[in-house]
Protein backbone atom coordinates (compact mmCIF):
# COMPACT_ATOMS: atom_id res chain seq x y z
CA MET A 1 0.00 0.00 0.00
CA HIS A 2 1.29 3.49 -0.88
CA ILE A 3 0.90 5.78 2.12
CA SER A 4 1.99 9.37 2.24
CA VAL A 5 0.55 9.97 5.71
CA ALA A 6 -0.26 7.51 8.47
CA VAL A 7 -2.89 8.85 10.86
CA VAL A 8 -2.71 6.83 14.05
CA GLY A 9 -6.02 6.89 15.91
CA ALA A 10 -9.56 7.02 14.49
CA GLY A 11 -11.18 9.40 16.95
CA PRO A 12 -12.48 12.89 16.09
CA ALA A 13 -8.99 14.40 15.69
CA GLY A 14 -7.72 11.53 13.55
CA LEU A 15 -10.76 11.51 11.28
CA MET A 16 -10.77 15.29 10.84
CA SER A 17 -7.07 15.42 10.03
CA ALA A 18 -7.44 12.59 7.51
CA GLU A 19 -10.34 14.39 5.85
CA ARG A 20 -8.31 17.58 5.47
CA LEU A 21 -5.30 15.75 4.07
CA ALA A 22 -7.29 13.62 1.63
CA ALA A 23 -9.10 16.72 0.37
CA ASN A 24 -5.66 17.94 -0.74
CA GLY A 25 -5.04 14.75 -2.74
CA ILE A 26 -2.72 13.20 -0.15
CA ALA A 27 -2.75 9.41 0.25
CA VAL A 28 -3.84 8.67 3.83
CA ALA A 29 -4.31 5.53 5.88
CA ILE A 30 -5.91 5.60 9.32
CA PHE A 31 -4.61 2.99 11.77
CA GLU A 32 -6.91 2.08 14.65
CA ARG A 33 -6.39 -0.43 17.47
CA THR A 34 -10.09 -1.40 17.75
CA LYS A 35 -12.39 -2.85 15.12
CA THR A 36 -14.42 0.33 14.58
CA PRO A 37 -13.52 4.03 14.54
CA ALA A 38 -14.56 6.74 17.00
CA ARG A 39 -16.02 4.55 19.74
CA LYS A 40 -15.59 7.24 22.37
CA PHE A 41 -17.15 9.79 20.01
CA LEU A 42 -20.18 7.53 19.62
CA ARG A 43 -20.39 7.13 23.38
CA ALA A 44 -20.35 10.90 23.83
CA GLY A 45 -23.24 11.13 21.38
CA ILE A 46 -25.52 9.16 23.70
CA GLY A 47 -26.11 12.33 25.70
CA GLY A 48 -26.78 14.53 22.65
CA LEU A 49 -23.26 15.18 21.25
CA ASN A 50 -22.33 18.65 22.43
CA LEU A 51 -20.06 19.68 19.55
CA THR A 52 -19.08 23.21 20.51
CA HIS A 53 -20.40 26.41 22.09
CA SER A 54 -21.82 29.60 20.62
CA GLU A 55 -20.35 32.17 23.03
CA ASP A 56 -18.10 34.92 21.71
CA MET A 57 -14.58 33.89 20.80
CA GLU A 58 -12.71 35.71 23.54
CA SER A 59 -14.92 34.18 26.23
CA PHE A 60 -14.62 30.82 24.50
CA LEU A 61 -10.84 30.89 24.62
CA THR A 62 -10.78 31.59 28.35
CA ARG A 63 -12.27 28.14 28.99
CA TYR A 64 -8.99 26.41 28.14
CA ASP A 65 -6.34 25.64 30.71
CA VAL A 66 -3.21 25.57 28.58
CA SER A 67 0.30 26.97 28.95
CA SER A 68 0.83 27.74 25.27
CA PRO A 69 -0.97 29.97 22.73
CA LEU A 70 -0.69 27.16 20.15
CA LEU A 71 -4.05 25.60 20.99
CA LEU A 72 -5.79 28.97 21.17
CA ASP A 73 -4.41 29.90 17.76
CA ALA A 74 -5.74 26.60 16.39
CA VAL A 75 -9.24 27.39 17.70
CA ARG A 76 -9.05 30.84 16.13
CA GLY A 77 -8.05 29.14 12.88
CA PHE A 78 -10.94 26.65 12.94
CA THR A 79 -13.72 28.29 14.91
CA PRO A 80 -16.98 27.00 16.34
CA GLN A 81 -18.77 28.44 13.32
CA ASP A 82 -16.32 26.64 11.02
CA LEU A 83 -17.16 23.41 12.83
CA ARG A 84 -20.88 24.02 12.37
CA ASP A 85 -20.36 24.78 8.67
CA TRP A 86 -18.33 21.58 8.31
CA CYS A 87 -21.10 19.53 9.90
CA GLY A 88 -23.55 21.16 7.51
CA SER A 89 -21.37 20.17 4.56
CA LEU A 90 -21.77 16.57 5.70
CA GLY A 91 -25.56 16.92 5.72
CA VAL A 92 -25.75 17.21 9.51
CA PRO A 93 -27.23 20.60 10.46
CA THR A 94 -26.69 21.94 13.97
CA PHE A 95 -28.60 24.15 16.40
CA ILE A 96 -27.83 26.27 19.44
CA GLY A 97 -29.49 25.11 22.64
CA SER A 98 -30.85 27.34 25.39
CA SER A 99 -27.51 27.13 27.23
CA GLY A 100 -25.56 28.29 24.18
CA ARG A 101 -24.20 24.81 23.52
CA VAL A 102 -24.24 23.51 19.95
CA PHE A 103 -25.68 20.12 18.97
CA PRO A 104 -26.48 18.29 15.74
CA GLU A 105 -30.22 18.46 15.02
CA CYS A 106 -30.35 14.67 15.11
CA MET A 107 -28.80 14.76 18.63
CA LYS A 108 -26.64 11.75 17.76
CA ALA A 109 -23.06 11.08 16.71
CA SER A 110 -23.73 8.20 14.34
CA PRO A 111 -25.13 10.20 11.36
CA LEU A 112 -22.13 12.55 11.45
CA LEU A 113 -19.71 9.65 11.71
CA ARG A 114 -21.36 7.77 8.82
CA ALA A 115 -21.26 10.83 6.57
CA LEU A 116 -17.63 11.55 7.46
CA ARG A 117 -16.56 7.97 6.86
CA ALA A 118 -18.29 7.96 3.48
CA ARG A 119 -16.45 11.15 2.50
CA LEU A 120 -13.13 9.71 3.64
CA GLU A 121 -13.60 6.50 1.70
CA ASN A 122 -14.71 8.44 -1.40
CA ASN A 123 -11.46 10.40 -1.13
CA GLY A 124 -9.40 7.21 -0.98
CA VAL A 125 -8.66 7.09 2.75
CA GLU A 126 -7.96 3.55 3.90
CA PHE A 127 -9.09 2.31 7.31
CA VAL A 128 -6.73 -0.22 8.88
CA THR A 129 -8.20 -1.72 12.05
CA HIS A 130 -6.83 -4.02 14.77
CA HIS A 131 -3.50 -2.21 14.59
CA ARG A 132 -2.14 -1.11 17.96
CA TRP A 133 0.73 1.33 17.68
CA GLN A 134 3.91 0.23 19.48
CA GLY A 135 6.31 3.05 18.61
CA TRP A 136 9.17 3.00 16.12
CA SER A 137 11.72 0.51 14.90
CA ASP A 138 15.44 1.27 15.05
CA SER A 139 15.22 2.39 11.44
CA GLY A 140 12.33 4.77 12.14
CA ALA A 141 9.40 2.74 10.80
CA LEU A 142 6.08 2.77 12.66
CA LEU A 143 5.49 -0.52 14.44
CA PHE A 144 2.03 -2.00 14.94
CA GLU A 145 0.84 -5.03 16.83
CA THR A 146 -1.72 -6.86 14.67
CA PRO A 147 -3.58 -10.18 14.81
CA ASP A 148 -1.02 -11.45 12.27
CA GLY A 149 2.02 -10.30 14.20
CA GLN A 150 4.11 -7.16 14.16
CA ARG A 151 3.88 -4.88 11.13
CA ALA A 152 6.21 -2.06 10.10
CA VAL A 153 4.94 0.93 8.08
CA ARG A 154 7.06 3.77 6.74
CA PRO A 155 4.98 6.78 5.62
CA ARG A 156 6.38 10.13 4.60
CA ALA A 157 4.67 11.70 7.62
CA THR A 158 2.80 10.51 10.70
CA LEU A 159 -0.02 12.25 12.51
CA LEU A 160 -0.67 10.90 16.00
CA ALA A 161 -4.23 11.31 17.30
CA LEU A 162 -4.34 8.67 20.01
CA GLY A 163 -6.47 10.48 22.57
CA GLY A 164 -5.86 10.56 26.29
CA ALA A 165 -6.52 7.78 28.78
CA SER A 166 -10.12 8.32 29.87
CA TRP A 167 -12.67 5.60 29.12
CA PRO A 168 -9.80 3.20 28.25
CA GLY A 169 -12.21 0.45 27.27
CA LEU A 170 -13.21 2.50 24.23
CA GLY A 171 -9.71 2.63 22.78
CA SER A 172 -7.69 5.45 24.37
CA ASP A 173 -5.60 4.03 27.19
CA GLY A 174 -2.52 6.28 27.18
CA GLY A 175 -0.32 3.42 25.95
CA TRP A 176 1.48 5.84 23.64
CA VAL A 177 3.22 7.70 26.48
CA ALA A 178 6.17 5.33 26.83
CA ALA A 179 6.95 5.32 23.10
CA LEU A 180 7.20 9.11 23.01
CA GLU A 181 9.13 9.42 26.24
CA GLN A 182 11.66 6.91 24.91
CA ARG A 183 12.26 9.36 22.05
CA GLY A 184 12.84 12.22 24.47
CA VAL A 185 9.42 13.87 24.12
CA ALA A 186 8.19 15.46 27.37
CA VAL A 187 4.77 14.20 28.42
CA THR A 188 2.91 15.72 31.36
CA PRO A 189 1.43 12.86 33.45
CA LEU A 190 -2.08 11.91 32.38
CA LYS A 191 -4.76 12.63 34.97
CA PRO A 192 -8.56 12.59 35.02
CA ALA A 193 -10.48 15.69 33.98
CA ASN A 194 -14.22 16.33 33.87
CA MET A 195 -15.05 13.58 36.31
CA GLY A 196 -17.27 13.00 39.31
CA VAL A 197 -16.21 13.94 42.83
CA HIS A 198 -16.31 11.87 45.98
CA VAL A 199 -18.33 12.87 49.04
CA ALA A 200 -18.50 10.72 52.18
CA TRP A 201 -22.27 10.20 52.28
CA SER A 202 -23.94 8.69 55.30
CA GLU A 203 -25.45 5.26 54.72
CA VAL A 204 -28.94 6.72 55.24
CA PHE A 205 -28.44 9.38 52.54
CA ARG A 206 -26.79 6.97 50.12
CA ALA A 207 -29.55 4.37 50.47
CA ARG A 208 -32.29 6.92 49.87
CA PHE A 209 -30.80 9.18 47.21
CA GLU A 210 -28.29 7.20 45.13
CA GLY A 211 -29.18 7.86 41.47
CA THR A 212 -31.30 10.94 42.31
CA PRO A 213 -30.79 14.07 40.18
CA VAL A 214 -30.07 17.38 41.90
CA LYS A 215 -32.05 19.83 39.78
CA SER A 216 -32.60 23.59 39.77
CA ALA A 217 -29.47 24.25 41.78
CA VAL A 218 -26.29 26.28 41.29
CA PHE A 219 -22.94 24.76 42.23
CA HIS A 220 -20.09 26.92 43.52
CA TYR A 221 -16.37 26.33 43.88
CA ASP A 222 -13.38 28.65 44.18
CA GLY A 223 -15.35 31.77 43.29
CA ALA A 224 -17.02 30.30 40.20
CA ALA A 225 -20.61 29.16 39.74
CA ARG A 226 -22.22 26.60 37.43
CA LYS A 227 -25.89 25.88 36.96
CA GLY A 228 -27.06 22.49 35.84
CA GLU A 229 -28.11 19.04 36.89
CA ALA A 230 -25.92 16.71 38.89
CA VAL A 231 -26.65 13.18 40.06
CA VAL A 232 -26.01 11.60 43.44
CA THR A 233 -23.82 8.52 43.04
CA ARG A 234 -22.79 5.93 45.56
CA TYR A 235 -19.52 7.78 46.07
CA GLY A 236 -20.42 11.41 45.47
CA LEU A 237 -21.73 13.60 42.64
CA LEU A 238 -21.38 13.66 38.88
CA GLY A 239 -22.74 15.81 36.09
CA PRO A 240 -21.79 18.87 34.01
CA PRO A 241 -21.76 21.46 36.82
CA VAL A 242 -19.44 19.21 38.84
CA TYR A 243 -17.21 18.36 35.88
CA GLY A 244 -16.50 22.04 35.35
CA PHE A 245 -14.79 22.23 38.76
CA ALA A 246 -13.30 18.74 38.90
CA SER A 247 -9.79 19.52 37.63
CA ARG A 248 -9.37 22.39 40.08
CA ILE A 249 -10.68 20.20 42.87
CA ARG A 250 -8.25 17.44 41.89
CA ARG A 251 -5.33 19.86 42.01
CA ALA A 252 -6.44 21.15 45.42
CA LEU A 253 -6.53 17.59 46.75
CA GLU A 254 -3.04 16.97 45.33
CA ARG A 255 -1.81 19.99 47.29
CA GLY A 256 -3.21 18.48 50.48
CA GLU A 257 -6.08 20.96 50.70
CA HIS A 258 -9.65 20.14 51.72
CA PRO A 259 -11.90 21.46 48.95
CA VAL A 260 -15.53 22.28 49.67
CA LEU A 261 -18.18 22.34 46.94
CA THR A 262 -21.21 24.44 47.84
CA ILE A 263 -24.73 24.21 46.46
CA ASP A 264 -27.35 26.93 46.25
CA GLY A 265 -30.54 24.93 46.63
CA LYS A 266 -32.81 27.89 45.83
CA PRO A 267 -31.02 30.06 43.26
CA ASP A 268 -34.18 31.91 42.20
CA MET A 269 -34.66 33.49 45.64
CA ASP A 270 -32.33 35.59 47.81
CA ALA A 271 -31.63 34.64 51.42
CA ASP A 272 -33.70 37.47 52.96
CA THR A 273 -36.82 36.64 50.96
CA LEU A 274 -36.33 32.98 51.70
CA ALA A 275 -36.00 33.68 55.44
CA VAL A 276 -39.27 35.65 55.44
CA ARG A 277 -41.01 32.79 53.69
CA LEU A 278 -39.63 30.21 56.11
CA ALA A 279 -40.68 32.33 59.10
CA GLY A 280 -44.23 32.46 57.82
CA GLY A 281 -44.83 28.74 57.67
CA ARG A 282 -47.86 27.06 59.23
CA ARG A 283 -47.82 26.76 62.99
CA GLY A 284 -47.12 23.19 64.04
CA ASP A 285 -45.25 22.23 60.87
CA SER A 286 -42.18 20.11 61.44
CA LEU A 287 -38.84 21.29 60.13
CA SER A 288 -39.11 18.89 57.21
CA GLU A 289 -42.56 20.21 56.40
CA ARG A 290 -41.30 23.80 56.48
CA LEU A 291 -38.59 22.95 53.97
CA ARG A 292 -41.03 21.13 51.71
CA ARG A 293 -44.17 23.26 51.94
CA THR A 294 -42.77 26.73 52.60
CA ALA A 295 -39.42 26.70 50.76
CA HIS A 296 -40.56 24.14 48.17
CA LEU A 297 -37.29 22.23 48.42
CA SER A 298 -36.90 18.82 46.84
CA PRO A 299 -36.21 15.90 49.19
CA VAL A 300 -32.66 15.56 47.86
CA ILE A 301 -31.83 19.22 48.61
CA ALA A 302 -33.18 18.79 52.12
CA GLY A 303 -31.14 15.61 52.39
CA LEU A 304 -27.99 17.44 51.31
CA MET A 305 -28.61 20.04 53.99
CA ARG A 306 -28.78 17.30 56.61
CA GLU A 307 -25.61 15.70 55.25
CA ALA A 308 -23.75 19.00 55.40
CA THR A 309 -24.70 19.61 59.04
CA GLY A 310 -24.61 16.09 60.42
CA ASN A 311 -28.42 16.22 60.63
CA ARG A 312 -28.26 19.28 62.88
CA LEU A 313 -30.22 21.81 60.87
CA PRO A 314 -30.66 25.37 62.10
CA THR A 315 -34.12 25.96 63.55
CA ASP A 316 -34.30 29.72 62.96
CA ALA A 317 -35.48 31.04 59.60
CA PRO A 318 -32.36 33.14 58.77
CA GLY A 319 -30.07 30.21 59.59
CA LEU A 320 -32.11 27.83 57.46
CA ALA A 321 -32.17 30.31 54.59
CA ALA A 322 -28.41 30.79 54.77
CA LEU A 323 -27.86 27.05 54.68
CA ILE A 324 -30.21 26.55 51.72
CA LYS A 325 -28.27 29.20 49.80
CA ARG A 326 -24.90 27.67 50.64
CA ILE A 327 -24.89 23.93 51.37
CA PRO A 328 -21.23 22.95 51.97
CA LEU A 329 -20.06 19.50 50.89
CA ALA A 330 -16.54 18.37 51.74
CA VAL A 331 -14.95 16.67 48.72
CA THR A 332 -12.74 13.72 49.62
CA GLY A 333 -11.53 12.63 46.17
CA THR A 334 -12.31 12.37 42.47
CA GLU A 335 -13.09 9.59 40.03
CA GLY A 336 -10.14 8.04 38.20
CA LEU A 337 -9.26 7.96 34.52
CA GLU A 338 -11.44 4.94 33.86
CA LYS A 339 -14.56 7.02 34.61
CA ALA A 340 -13.39 10.48 33.56
CA ILE A 341 -14.85 12.16 30.50
CA SER A 342 -11.49 13.52 29.41
CA THR A 343 -7.80 13.58 30.24
CA ALA A 344 -5.59 16.35 31.54
CA GLY A 345 -1.89 16.22 30.74
CA GLY A 346 -0.27 14.85 27.61
CA ILE A 347 2.43 15.96 25.18
CA ALA A 348 3.85 19.24 26.46
CA MET A 349 2.79 21.99 24.09
CA ASP A 350 6.31 23.41 23.85
CA GLU A 351 7.38 20.11 22.26
CA LEU A 352 5.45 21.19 19.14
CA ASN A 353 6.30 23.72 16.49
CA ASP A 354 3.71 26.04 14.94
CA GLY A 355 2.61 23.26 12.59
CA PHE A 356 1.98 20.81 15.46
CA MET A 357 5.06 18.80 14.52
CA LEU A 358 7.15 17.32 17.31
CA LYS A 359 10.42 19.23 17.32
CA LYS A 360 12.42 16.16 18.28
CA LEU A 361 10.74 13.91 15.70
CA PRO A 362 10.69 15.51 12.24
CA GLY A 363 7.71 14.33 10.22
CA VAL A 364 5.69 13.33 13.29
CA PHE A 365 2.70 15.49 14.18
CA ALA A 366 0.16 15.30 17.01
CA ALA A 367 -3.36 16.57 17.65
CA GLY A 368 -6.35 16.21 19.93
CA GLU A 369 -6.63 15.06 23.52
CA MET A 370 -3.13 13.61 23.65
CA LEU A 371 -1.81 17.17 23.90
CA ASP A 372 -1.43 18.91 27.27
CA TRP A 373 -4.53 21.08 27.57
CA ASP A 374 -7.65 20.93 29.69
CA ALA A 375 -11.17 22.29 29.25
CA PRO A 376 -14.57 21.99 30.89
CA PRO A 377 -17.56 20.31 29.22
CA GLY A 378 -19.85 22.43 27.10
CA GLY A 379 -18.41 21.78 23.63
CA TYR A 380 -14.87 22.96 24.36
CA LEU A 381 -13.37 19.46 24.36
CA LEU A 382 -14.49 18.42 20.89
CA GLN A 383 -13.84 21.87 19.44
CA ALA A 384 -10.19 21.70 20.50
CA CYS A 385 -9.84 18.18 19.10
CA PHE A 386 -11.18 19.27 15.72
CA SER A 387 -9.28 22.56 15.68
CA THR A 388 -5.90 21.02 16.51
CA ALA A 389 -6.56 18.32 13.91
CA VAL A 390 -7.11 20.96 11.23
CA ALA A 391 -3.95 22.80 12.30
CA ALA A 392 -1.88 19.60 12.38
CA ALA A 393 -3.17 18.53 8.96
CA GLU A 394 -2.11 21.89 7.55
CA GLY A 395 1.29 21.38 9.17
CA VAL A 396 1.59 17.98 7.49
CA ARG A 397 0.55 19.41 4.12
CA GLU A 398 3.17 22.15 4.32
CA TRP A 399 5.81 19.64 5.46
CA LEU A 400 5.13 17.39 2.48
CA ALA A 401 5.04 20.35 0.10
CA ARG A 402 8.57 21.23 1.23
CA GLY A 403 9.70 17.69 0.47
CA GLY A 404 9.82 16.55 4.06
CA THR A 405 9.90 12.88 5.04
CA ALA A 406 9.78 11.12 8.39
CA GLY A 407 13.15 11.05 10.09
């Protein structure tokens, strides 16, 4: 097989980069360790496939935790609107939800993936499955473990899009780290990002509320606030408003701190108004009845209040109101990589040149989640994967145009 570019990894970044390269008439083969491409992408689509976000660009860029302008420049080069236009070109129109997040109208990943795969195959891209990348041979060839034994491939250029290490059962397990470190490439340790947090629930609370959604609340941590729905798990809380704080909470735990996540159980009412309402409850009502009838709190919010105080709720109206507005939950840990939505850490950004080529490995490029950047949910994760893929593909194209070959 004649291959100009080997794309290693068939996730969103790998598929997008292959599409860009093939559109320029470049012979591309995509090598994937599993039997089907984009398994994690399909999994993400179960919840509606949040592709990107519609907020203004400068606000959008502030969502990324990254030490280099390289990723931000890539997002400026392939914007959220560019991503929406690209989806439209594949026959998958998008819409902006009430939160500003962008979704395909079909609310699924599979139609987009089918259309993209059809375009890739029409442009001559070859899919090579059951090929697990092992690094390089002494002569510089790519080595793959296959059902038929080891295989060596020598393309003119390589684009690595192997993802991070979250949801390892879907294909991305971080197994690429050792191969790059052996070649002197600096890799920041992979850690979970956008994951659930652990709270030491009482057995009574856990038995009653495990699996219960916490709705109509605002979550606060470290001066920031996020509105949304979380779910009580056996070990703590998960959901978009928690994911947005999870990396900062993880870092606080690593520093030996004791992070506290607070919940506003009645965000549509200020504490003074709430206190007046609580004071005016029916005579003879129990405390639980006051919370339910007068403050209209859900059982799970009332349960969280009891958890936060060791079941010693204030009895005065101002004290109750203050607690409802700020329910403190001590966080004891976070979920690991196997349950995280995404991965923090990866190839250090200063290991890349402006074309996303590894400075120490001429002809080898990288894109997507395997790079060292972090972002909250809300469309920022996929946008960065697609944007860096476009930037890396352009880097490959320019490298080949200058006569470059893998070294």
